[in-house]
PDB file of N, CA and C in Angstrom:
ATOM      1  N   MET A   1     -70.974 -37.979  30.606  1.00  0.00           N
ATOM      2  CA  MET A   1     -71.623 -38.854  29.636  1.00  0.00           C
ATOM      3  C   MET A   1     -72.596 -39.742  30.413  1.00  0.00           C
ATOM      4  N   ALA A   2     -73.781 -39.862  29.893  1.00  0.00           N
ATOM      5  CA  ALA A   2     -74.799 -40.719  30.523  1.00  0.00           C
ATOM      6  C   ALA A   2     -75.244 -41.790  29.518  1.00  0.00           C
ATOM      7  N   LYS A   3     -75.538 -42.953  30.055  1.00  0.00           N
ATOM      8  CA  LYS A   3     -76.120 -44.026  29.241  1.00  0.00           C
ATOM      9  C   LYS A   3     -77.615 -44.058  29.582  1.00  0.00           C
ATOM     10  N   VAL A   4     -78.432 -44.088  28.558  1.00  0.00           N
ATOM     11  CA  VAL A   4     -79.886 -44.104  28.745  1.00  0.00           C
ATOM     12  C   VAL A   4     -80.426 -45.374  28.099  1.00  0.00           C
ATOM     13  N   ASN A   5     -81.196 -46.138  28.855  1.00  0.00           N
ATOM     14  CA  ASN A   5     -81.875 -47.345  28.360  1.00  0.00           C
ATOM     15  C   ASN A   5     -83.339 -47.011  28.168  1.00  0.00           C
ATOM     16  N   VAL A   6     -83.832 -47.162  26.948  1.00  0.00           N
ATOM     17  CA  VAL A   6     -85.218 -46.844  26.633  1.00  0.00           C
ATOM     18  C   VAL A   6     -85.956 -48.153  26.317  1.00  0.00           C
ATOM     19  N   TYR A   7     -87.135 -48.342  26.916  1.00  0.00           N
ATOM     20  CA  TYR A   7     -87.954 -49.510  26.690  1.00  0.00           C
ATOM     21  C   TYR A   7     -89.271 -49.061  26.087  1.00  0.00           C
ATOM     22  N   VAL A   8     -89.611 -49.586  24.911  1.00  0.00           N
ATOM     23  CA  VAL A   8     -90.830 -49.199  24.227  1.00  0.00           C
ATOM     24  C   VAL A   8     -91.680 -50.458  24.024  1.00  0.00           C
ATOM     25  N   THR A   9     -92.964 -50.400  24.408  1.00  0.00           N
ATOM     26  CA  THR A   9     -93.855 -51.522  24.253  1.00  0.00           C
ATOM     27  C   THR A   9     -95.206 -51.030  23.741  1.00  0.00           C
ATOM     28  N   LEU A  10     -95.957 -51.953  23.159  1.00  0.00           N
ATOM     29  CA  LEU A  10     -97.303 -51.617  22.731  1.00  0.00           C
ATOM     30  C   LEU A  10     -98.184 -51.337  23.943  1.00  0.00           C
ATOM     31  N   LYS A  11     -99.136 -50.454  23.756  1.00  0.00           N
ATOM     32  CA  LYS A  11    -100.078 -50.214  24.833  1.00  0.00           C
ATOM     33  C   LYS A  11    -100.801 -51.495  25.161  1.00  0.00           C
ATOM     34  N   PRO A  12    -101.120 -51.714  26.448  1.00  0.00           N
ATOM     35  CA  PRO A  12    -101.766 -52.991  26.853  1.00  0.00           C
ATOM     36  C   PRO A  12    -103.078 -53.264  26.143  1.00  0.00           C
ATOM     37  N   SER A  13    -103.782 -52.247  25.717  1.00  0.00           N
ATOM     38  CA  SER A  13    -105.079 -52.449  25.075  1.00  0.00           C
ATOM     39  C   SER A  13    -104.969 -52.925  23.630  1.00  0.00           C
ATOM     40  N   LEU A  14    -103.770 -52.885  23.054  1.00  0.00           N
ATOM     41  CA  LEU A  14    -103.579 -53.285  21.657  1.00  0.00           C
ATOM     42  C   LEU A  14    -103.137 -54.728  21.549  1.00  0.00           C
ATOM     43  N   LEU A  15    -103.629 -55.413  20.546  1.00  0.00           N
ATOM     44  CA  LEU A  15    -103.231 -56.801  20.281  1.00  0.00           C
ATOM     45  C   LEU A  15    -101.815 -56.804  19.738  1.00  0.00           C
ATOM     46  N   ASP A  16    -100.970 -57.608  20.332  1.00  0.00           N
ATOM     47  CA  ASP A  16     -99.578 -57.751  19.914  1.00  0.00           C
ATOM     48  C   ASP A  16     -99.498 -58.980  19.005  1.00  0.00           C
ATOM     49  N   VAL A  17     -99.658 -58.778  17.712  1.00  0.00           N
ATOM     50  CA  VAL A  17     -99.664 -59.882  16.752  1.00  0.00           C
ATOM     51  C   VAL A  17     -98.339 -60.638  16.772  1.00  0.00           C
ATOM     52  N   GLN A  18     -97.240 -59.898  16.787  1.00  0.00           N
ATOM     53  CA  GLN A  18     -95.943 -60.542  16.804  1.00  0.00           C
ATOM     54  C   GLN A  18     -95.775 -61.384  18.091  1.00  0.00           C
ATOM     55  N   GLY A  19     -96.238 -60.864  19.200  1.00  0.00           N
ATOM     56  CA  GLY A  19     -96.203 -61.600  20.462  1.00  0.00           C
ATOM     57  C   GLY A  19     -97.005 -62.906  20.384  1.00  0.00           C
ATOM     58  N   LYS A  20     -98.168 -62.829  19.737  1.00  0.00           N
ATOM     59  CA  LYS A  20     -99.011 -64.030  19.591  1.00  0.00           C
ATOM     60  C   LYS A  20     -98.290 -65.092  18.742  1.00  0.00           C
ATOM     61  N   VAL A  21     -97.597 -64.662  17.683  1.00  0.00           N
ATOM     62  CA  VAL A  21     -96.870 -65.616  16.831  1.00  0.00           C
ATOM     63  C   VAL A  21     -95.757 -66.281  17.640  1.00  0.00           C
ATOM     64  N   VAL A  22     -95.032 -65.484  18.423  1.00  0.00           N
ATOM     65  CA  VAL A  22     -93.945 -66.039  19.238  1.00  0.00           C
ATOM     66  C   VAL A  22     -94.503 -66.980  20.279  1.00  0.00           C
ATOM     67  N   GLN A  23     -95.627 -66.627  20.907  1.00  0.00           N
ATOM     68  CA  GLN A  23     -96.253 -67.493  21.885  1.00  0.00           C
ATOM     69  C   GLN A  23     -96.636 -68.843  21.253  1.00  0.00           C
ATOM     70  N   GLY A  24     -97.217 -68.794  20.044  1.00  0.00           N
ATOM     71  CA  GLY A  24     -97.575 -70.021  19.339  1.00  0.00           C
ATOM     72  C   GLY A  24     -96.343 -70.872  19.025  1.00  0.00           C
ATOM     73  N   ALA A  25     -95.248 -70.219  18.623  1.00  0.00           N
ATOM     74  CA  ALA A  25     -94.017 -70.974  18.339  1.00  0.00           C
ATOM     75  C   ALA A  25     -93.450 -71.592  19.602  1.00  0.00           C
ATOM     76  N   LEU A  26     -93.507 -70.890  20.710  1.00  0.00           N
ATOM     77  CA  LEU A  26     -93.042 -71.458  21.968  1.00  0.00           C
ATOM     78  C   LEU A  26     -93.899 -72.666  22.369  1.00  0.00           C
ATOM     79  N   GLU A  27     -95.202 -72.560  22.171  1.00  0.00           N
ATOM     80  CA  GLU A  27     -96.083 -73.701  22.479  1.00  0.00           C
ATOM     81  C   GLU A  27     -95.721 -74.891  21.608  1.00  0.00           C
ATOM     82  N   ASN A  28     -95.438 -74.637  20.321  1.00  0.00           N
ATOM     83  CA  ASN A  28     -95.059 -75.720  19.398  1.00  0.00           C
ATOM     84  C   ASN A  28     -93.738 -76.369  19.818  1.00  0.00           C
ATOM     85  N   LEU A  29     -92.915 -75.641  20.509  1.00  0.00           N
ATOM     86  CA  LEU A  29     -91.642 -76.170  20.997  1.00  0.00           C
ATOM     87  C   LEU A  29     -91.796 -76.895  22.333  1.00  0.00           C
ATOM     88  N   GLY A  30     -93.027 -76.928  22.831  1.00  0.00           N
ATOM     89  CA  GLY A  30     -93.287 -77.642  24.078  1.00  0.00           C
ATOM     90  C   GLY A  30     -93.393 -76.769  25.310  1.00  0.00           C
ATOM     91  N   TYR A  31     -93.329 -75.478  25.148  1.00  0.00           N
ATOM     92  CA  TYR A  31     -93.437 -74.558  26.283  1.00  0.00           C
ATOM     93  C   TYR A  31     -94.883 -74.096  26.443  1.00  0.00           C
ATOM     94  N   SER A  32     -95.724 -75.026  26.856  1.00  0.00           N
ATOM     95  CA  SER A  32     -97.155 -74.724  26.969  1.00  0.00           C
ATOM     96  C   SER A  32     -97.486 -73.911  28.199  1.00  0.00           C
ATOM     97  N   ASN A  33     -96.510 -73.711  29.092  1.00  0.00           N
ATOM     98  CA  ASN A  33     -96.743 -72.916  30.280  1.00  0.00           C
ATOM     99  C   ASN A  33     -96.632 -71.406  30.032  1.00  0.00           C
ATOM    100  N   VAL A  34     -96.250 -70.991  28.832  1.00  0.00           N
ATOM    101  CA  VAL A  34     -96.169 -69.558  28.492  1.00  0.00           C
ATOM    102  C   VAL A  34     -97.575 -69.086  28.186  1.00  0.00           C
ATOM    103  N   THR A  35     -98.076 -68.174  28.982  1.00  0.00           N
ATOM    104  CA  THR A  35     -99.472 -67.713  28.831  1.00  0.00           C
ATOM    105  C   THR A  35     -99.613 -66.372  28.131  1.00  0.00           C
ATOM    106  N   GLY A  36     -98.515 -65.706  27.830  1.00  0.00           N
ATOM    107  CA  GLY A  36     -98.583 -64.457  27.120  1.00  0.00           C
ATOM    108  C   GLY A  36     -97.213 -63.959  26.729  1.00  0.00           C
ATOM    109  N   VAL A  37     -97.122 -63.327  25.559  1.00  0.00           N
ATOM    110  CA  VAL A  37     -95.866 -62.754  25.073  1.00  0.00           C
ATOM    111  C   VAL A  37     -96.193 -61.366  24.500  1.00  0.00           C
ATOM    112  N   ARG A  38     -95.397 -60.372  24.877  1.00  0.00           N
ATOM    113  CA  ARG A  38     -95.487 -59.027  24.307  1.00  0.00           C
ATOM    114  C   ARG A  38     -94.106 -58.666  23.821  1.00  0.00           C
ATOM    115  N   ILE A  39     -94.006 -58.153  22.619  1.00  0.00           N
ATOM    116  CA  ILE A  39     -92.750 -57.806  21.971  1.00  0.00           C
ATOM    117  C   ILE A  39     -92.585 -56.293  22.061  1.00  0.00           C
ATOM    118  N   GLY A  40     -91.356 -55.855  22.302  1.00  0.00           N
ATOM    119  CA  GLY A  40     -91.082 -54.427  22.376  1.00  0.00           C
ATOM    120  C   GLY A  40     -89.698 -54.109  21.792  1.00  0.00           C
ATOM    121  N   LYS A  41     -89.274 -52.883  22.054  1.00  0.00           N
ATOM    122  CA  LYS A  41     -87.972 -52.432  21.562  1.00  0.00           C
ATOM    123  C   LYS A  41     -87.132 -51.985  22.758  1.00  0.00           C
ATOM    124  N   TYR A  42     -85.834 -52.208  22.643  1.00  0.00           N
ATOM    125  CA  TYR A  42     -84.880 -51.723  23.629  1.00  0.00           C
ATOM    126  C   TYR A  42     -83.874 -50.865  22.902  1.00  0.00           C
ATOM    127  N   ILE A  43     -83.655 -49.661  23.380  1.00  0.00           N
ATOM    128  CA  ILE A  43     -82.755 -48.712  22.719  1.00  0.00           C
ATOM    129  C   ILE A  43     -81.760 -48.183  23.733  1.00  0.00           C
ATOM    130  N   GLU A  44     -80.461 -48.189  23.376  1.00  0.00           N
ATOM    131  CA  GLU A  44     -79.435 -47.610  24.237  1.00  0.00           C
ATOM    132  C   GLU A  44     -78.952 -46.308  23.598  1.00  0.00           C
ATOM    133  N   LEU A  45     -78.899 -45.281  24.425  1.00  0.00           N
ATOM    134  CA  LEU A  45     -78.414 -43.981  23.985  1.00  0.00           C
ATOM    135  C   LEU A  45     -77.223 -43.590  24.870  1.00  0.00           C
ATOM    136  N   GLU A  46     -76.229 -42.967  24.271  1.00  0.00           N
ATOM    137  CA  GLU A  46     -75.149 -42.329  25.029  1.00  0.00           C
ATOM    138  C   GLU A  46     -75.255 -40.850  24.788  1.00  0.00           C
ATOM    139  N   ILE A  47     -75.423 -40.077  25.859  1.00  0.00           N
ATOM    140  CA  ILE A  47     -75.738 -38.653  25.724  1.00  0.00           C
ATOM    141  C   ILE A  47     -74.850 -37.835  26.647  1.00  0.00           C
ATOM    142  N   GLU A  48     -74.340 -36.744  26.117  1.00  0.00           N
ATOM    143  CA  GLU A  48     -73.639 -35.771  26.935  1.00  0.00           C
ATOM    144  C   GLU A  48     -74.686 -34.822  27.507  1.00  0.00           C
ATOM    145  N   ASP A  49     -74.706 -34.704  28.818  1.00  0.00           N
ATOM    146  CA  ASP A  49     -75.675 -33.845  29.483  1.00  0.00           C
ATOM    147  C   ASP A  49     -75.059 -32.462  29.695  1.00  0.00           C
ATOM    148  N   SER A  50     -74.950 -31.715  28.616  1.00  0.00           N
ATOM    149  CA  SER A  50     -74.280 -30.407  28.680  1.00  0.00           C
ATOM    150  C   SER A  50     -75.231 -29.295  29.115  1.00  0.00           C
ATOM    151  N   ASN A  51     -76.536 -29.522  29.020  1.00  0.00           N
ATOM    152  CA  ASN A  51     -77.489 -28.454  29.350  1.00  0.00           C
ATOM    153  C   ASN A  51     -78.337 -28.762  30.573  1.00  0.00           C
ATOM    154  N   ASN A  52     -77.980 -29.836  31.293  1.00  0.00           N
ATOM    155  CA  ASN A  52     -78.709 -30.224  32.516  1.00  0.00           C
ATOM    156  C   ASN A  52     -80.205 -30.441  32.281  1.00  0.00           C
ATOM    157  N   ARG A  53     -80.569 -30.881  31.104  1.00  0.00           N
ATOM    158  CA  ARG A  53     -81.961 -31.176  30.762  1.00  0.00           C
ATOM    159  C   ARG A  53     -82.095 -32.610  30.255  1.00  0.00           C
ATOM    160  N   LEU A  54     -81.285 -33.477  30.780  1.00  0.00           N
ATOM    161  CA  LEU A  54     -81.222 -34.829  30.208  1.00  0.00           C
ATOM    162  C   LEU A  54     -82.572 -35.527  30.240  1.00  0.00           C
ATOM    163  N   GLU A  55     -83.262 -35.530  31.372  1.00  0.00           N
ATOM    164  CA  GLU A  55     -84.560 -36.215  31.452  1.00  0.00           C
ATOM    165  C   GLU A  55     -85.562 -35.606  30.495  1.00  0.00           C
ATOM    166  N   GLN A  56     -85.606 -34.295  30.418  1.00  0.00           N
ATOM    167  CA  GLN A  56     -86.556 -33.632  29.519  1.00  0.00           C
ATOM    168  C   GLN A  56     -86.206 -33.942  28.054  1.00  0.00           C
ATOM    169  N   ASP A  57     -84.905 -33.929  27.736  1.00  0.00           N
ATOM    170  CA  ASP A  57     -84.494 -34.221  26.354  1.00  0.00           C
ATOM    171  C   ASP A  57     -84.820 -35.668  25.964  1.00  0.00           C
ATOM    172  N   VAL A  58     -84.568 -36.614  26.845  1.00  0.00           N
ATOM    173  CA  VAL A  58     -84.853 -38.007  26.513  1.00  0.00           C
ATOM    174  C   VAL A  58     -86.370 -38.211  26.390  1.00  0.00           C
ATOM    175  N   ASP A  59     -87.150 -37.609  27.253  1.00  0.00           N
ATOM    176  CA  ASP A  59     -88.589 -37.714  27.141  1.00  0.00           C
ATOM    177  C   ASP A  59     -89.072 -37.166  25.816  1.00  0.00           C
ATOM    178  N   GLU A  60     -88.499 -36.056  25.399  1.00  0.00           N
ATOM    179  CA  GLU A  60     -88.857 -35.464  24.108  1.00  0.00           C
ATOM    180  C   GLU A  60     -88.464 -36.350  22.955  1.00  0.00           C
ATOM    181  N   MET A  61     -87.270 -36.957  23.030  1.00  0.00           N
ATOM    182  CA  MET A  61     -86.819 -37.892  21.978  1.00  0.00           C
ATOM    183  C   MET A  61     -87.788 -39.054  21.837  1.00  0.00           C
ATOM    184  N   CYS A  62     -88.240 -39.561  22.972  1.00  0.00           N
ATOM    185  CA  CYS A  62     -89.178 -40.693  22.952  1.00  0.00           C
ATOM    186  C   CYS A  62     -90.502 -40.282  22.320  1.00  0.00           C
ATOM    187  N   ARG A  63     -91.024 -39.146  22.726  1.00  0.00           N
ATOM    188  CA  ARG A  63     -92.315 -38.700  22.219  1.00  0.00           C
ATOM    189  C   ARG A  63     -92.255 -38.359  20.740  1.00  0.00           C
ATOM    190  N   LYS A  64     -91.139 -37.785  20.268  1.00  0.00           N
ATOM    191  CA  LYS A  64     -91.038 -37.315  18.892  1.00  0.00           C
ATOM    192  C   LYS A  64     -90.583 -38.378  17.894  1.00  0.00           C
ATOM    193  N   LEU A  65     -89.766 -39.364  18.370  1.00  0.00           N
ATOM    194  CA  LEU A  65     -89.182 -40.282  17.404  1.00  0.00           C
ATOM    195  C   LEU A  65     -89.154 -41.760  17.843  1.00  0.00           C
ATOM    196  N   LEU A  66     -88.715 -42.020  19.056  1.00  0.00           N
ATOM    197  CA  LEU A  66     -88.445 -43.400  19.458  1.00  0.00           C
ATOM    198  C   LEU A  66     -89.684 -44.234  19.725  1.00  0.00           C
ATOM    199  N   ALA A  67     -90.790 -43.583  20.088  1.00  0.00           N
ATOM    200  CA  ALA A  67     -92.044 -44.307  20.366  1.00  0.00           C
ATOM    201  C   ALA A  67     -93.181 -43.608  19.659  1.00  0.00           C
ATOM    202  N   ASN A  68     -94.175 -44.377  19.258  1.00  0.00           N
ATOM    203  CA  ASN A  68     -95.383 -43.808  18.690  1.00  0.00           C
ATOM    204  C   ASN A  68     -96.387 -43.630  19.827  1.00  0.00           C
ATOM    205  N   PRO A  69     -96.664 -42.395  20.239  1.00  0.00           N
ATOM    206  CA  PRO A  69     -97.537 -42.184  21.408  1.00  0.00           C
ATOM    207  C   PRO A  69     -98.959 -42.680  21.207  1.00  0.00           C
ATOM    208  N   ASN A  70     -99.352 -42.924  19.977  1.00  0.00           N
ATOM    209  CA  ASN A  70    -100.718 -43.433  19.717  1.00  0.00           C
ATOM    210  C   ASN A  70    -100.836 -44.928  20.034  1.00  0.00           C
ATOM    211  N   THR A  71     -99.751 -45.659  19.860  1.00  0.00           N
ATOM    212  CA  THR A  71     -99.837 -47.121  20.022  1.00  0.00           C
ATOM    213  C   THR A  71     -98.860 -47.675  21.034  1.00  0.00           C
ATOM    214  N   GLU A  72     -97.874 -46.894  21.475  1.00  0.00           N
ATOM    215  CA  GLU A  72     -96.814 -47.436  22.330  1.00  0.00           C
ATOM    216  C   GLU A  72     -96.669 -46.625  23.610  1.00  0.00           C
ATOM    217  N   THR A  73     -96.139 -47.288  24.623  1.00  0.00           N
ATOM    218  CA  THR A  73     -95.727 -46.630  25.850  1.00  0.00           C
ATOM    219  C   THR A  73     -94.218 -46.778  25.946  1.00  0.00           C
ATOM    220  N   TYR A  74     -93.605 -45.949  26.759  1.00  0.00           N
ATOM    221  CA  TYR A  74     -92.160 -46.010  26.919  1.00  0.00           C
ATOM    222  C   TYR A  74     -91.798 -45.642  28.352  1.00  0.00           C
ATOM    223  N   ARG A  75     -90.601 -46.102  28.718  1.00  0.00           N
ATOM    224  CA  ARG A  75     -89.975 -45.697  29.965  1.00  0.00           C
ATOM    225  C   ARG A  75     -88.489 -45.713  29.697  1.00  0.00           C
ATOM    226  N   PHE A  76     -87.763 -44.988  30.533  1.00  0.00           N
ATOM    227  CA  PHE A  76     -86.310 -44.962  30.347  1.00  0.00           C
ATOM    228  C   PHE A  76     -85.621 -44.896  31.692  1.00  0.00           C
ATOM    229  N   GLU A  77     -84.377 -45.378  31.680  1.00  0.00           N
ATOM    230  CA  GLU A  77     -83.513 -45.365  32.855  1.00  0.00           C
ATOM    231  C   GLU A  77     -82.226 -44.655  32.479  1.00  0.00           C
ATOM    232  N   ILE A  78     -81.767 -43.774  33.349  1.00  0.00           N
ATOM    233  CA  ILE A  78     -80.554 -43.009  33.101  1.00  0.00           C
ATOM    234  C   ILE A  78     -79.457 -43.540  34.033  1.00  0.00           C
ATOM    235  N   GLU A  79     -78.328 -43.924  33.440  1.00  0.00           N
ATOM    236  CA  GLU A  79     -77.134 -44.330  34.203  1.00  0.00           C
ATOM    237  C   GLU A  79     -76.095 -43.258  34.015  1.00  0.00           C
ATOM    238  N   ARG A  80     -75.659 -42.681  35.093  1.00  0.00           N
ATOM    239  CA  ARG A  80     -74.665 -41.588  35.007  1.00  0.00           C
ATOM    240  C   ARG A  80     -73.286 -42.108  35.351  1.00  0.00           C
TER     241      ARG A  80
END
């Protein structure tokens, strides 16, 4: 059994509206030293590696469902 941590974020060239709202809220709370906020997703998967294709399978899962390749980037870490 492997645990996979997937991190999905907007591509750097895209405006992160949610991040801007959070940055504004942090500034309103007195944290004026925050110069940028980007919001993303964190996904944990538990996978049985029965076919020895774990990396390929996780990459395919990310491309097909977990991330939008048009607007998001992703990376993952596998813990065995």
